Amino acid sequence: MTDPLLWRLAYDVAGAHQPDDSGHCHNLLCGGQEAPCETMLNAERAMQLARGATPAEYRHPGTRDRPAAPGLPARDTRARRNAA
């Protein structure tokens, strides 16, 4: 374990975003999203990273690629800026 505080926080977040009997996130902040919600996926990823996984090693099978919101530019990442 490389970061026990991150792992514990992510564990608590994941616990708060468990699916209900109908397969939807029961957390009020998610508004009944289909499980696993994005917050749950991020919590699981944080738990893996806290155990020492590199970001390239971890990709949750339920992760969905999402396009940028309409009318908003795509996020400008450091890697994209350095490549230009």
Protein backbone atom coordinates (compact mmCIF):
# COMPACT_ATOMS: atom_id res chain seq x y z
CA MET A 1 0.00 0.00 0.00
CA THR A 2 1.57 3.25 -1.08
CA ASP A 3 -1.13 5.69 0.06
CA PRO A 4 -3.39 4.37 2.82
CA LEU A 5 -5.22 7.69 3.27
CA LEU A 6 -6.22 7.82 -0.41
CA TRP A 7 -7.27 4.17 -0.29
CA ARG A 8 -9.48 4.72 2.78
CA LEU A 9 -11.14 7.81 1.27
CA ALA A 10 -11.77 5.99 -2.01
CA TYR A 11 -13.14 2.99 -0.09
CA ASP A 12 -15.61 5.23 1.74
CA VAL A 13 -16.69 6.89 -1.53
CA ALA A 14 -17.15 3.49 -3.21
CA GLY A 15 -19.22 2.34 -0.25
CA ALA A 16 -21.51 5.35 -0.63
CA HIS A 17 -22.11 4.59 -4.32
CA GLN A 18 -23.14 0.93 -4.22
CA PRO A 19 -25.96 -0.11 -6.55
CA ASP A 20 -29.44 -0.78 -5.23
CA ASP A 21 -31.60 -3.79 -6.11
CA SER A 22 -32.60 -2.23 -9.45
CA GLY A 23 -28.94 -1.74 -10.54
CA HIS A 24 -28.82 2.02 -10.04
CA CYS A 25 -26.60 4.08 -7.75
CA HIS A 26 -28.52 4.79 -4.57
CA ASN A 27 -26.51 7.95 -3.75
CA LEU A 28 -28.66 11.08 -4.03
CA LEU A 29 -25.88 12.97 -5.82
CA CYS A 30 -26.02 10.50 -8.71
CA GLY A 31 -29.74 10.88 -9.28
CA GLY A 32 -30.35 7.19 -9.99
CA GLN A 33 -27.62 6.72 -12.60
CA GLU A 34 -27.08 3.18 -13.82
CA ALA A 35 -24.40 1.43 -11.77
CA PRO A 36 -21.50 1.64 -11.76
CA CYS A 37 -21.75 5.42 -11.68
CA GLU A 38 -18.79 7.56 -12.68
CA THR A 39 -18.01 8.35 -9.05
CA MET A 40 -17.81 4.64 -8.24
CA LEU A 41 -15.48 4.03 -11.19
CA ASN A 42 -13.24 6.90 -10.05
CA ALA A 43 -13.20 5.54 -6.49
CA GLU A 44 -12.19 2.08 -7.71
CA ARG A 45 -9.46 3.64 -9.83
CA ALA A 46 -8.20 5.65 -6.85
CA MET A 47 -8.06 2.48 -4.74
CA GLN A 48 -5.94 0.78 -7.41
CA LEU A 49 -3.62 3.79 -7.69
CA ALA A 50 -3.29 3.93 -3.89
CA ARG A 51 -2.03 0.34 -4.03
CA GLY A 52 0.73 1.38 -6.43
CA ALA A 53 -0.76 0.78 -9.88
CA THR A 54 0.28 3.26 -12.54
CA PRO A 55 -2.46 5.13 -14.41
CA ALA A 56 -1.61 3.26 -17.62
CA GLU A 57 -2.06 -0.11 -15.85
CA TYR A 58 -5.57 0.57 -14.65
CA ARG A 59 -8.68 0.78 -16.76
CA HIS A 60 -11.91 -0.44 -15.24
CA PRO A 61 -13.88 -2.71 -17.56
CA GLY A 62 -16.96 -0.52 -17.04
CA THR A 63 -15.17 2.69 -18.02
CA ARG A 64 -16.85 4.49 -20.86
CA ASP A 65 -15.11 6.99 -23.11
CA ARG A 66 -17.14 10.17 -23.03
CA PRO A 67 -16.95 13.00 -25.54
CA ALA A 68 -16.54 16.59 -24.40
CA ALA A 69 -19.78 18.42 -23.69
CA PRO A 70 -21.21 20.21 -26.73
CA GLY A 71 -19.93 23.73 -27.08
CA LEU A 72 -17.02 23.20 -24.72
CA PRO A 73 -13.45 22.68 -25.90
CA ALA A 74 -11.80 19.39 -25.09
CA ARG A 75 -9.63 19.43 -21.97
CA ASP A 76 -6.16 20.75 -22.71
CA THR A 77 -3.77 18.28 -21.14
CA ARG A 78 -0.10 18.76 -20.47
CA ALA A 79 0.75 15.92 -22.86
CA ARG A 80 -1.26 17.57 -25.64
CA ARG A 81 0.45 20.92 -25.06
CA ASN A 82 3.91 19.33 -25.07
CA ALA A 83 3.14 17.42 -28.27
CA ALA A 84 2.21 20.62 -30.12
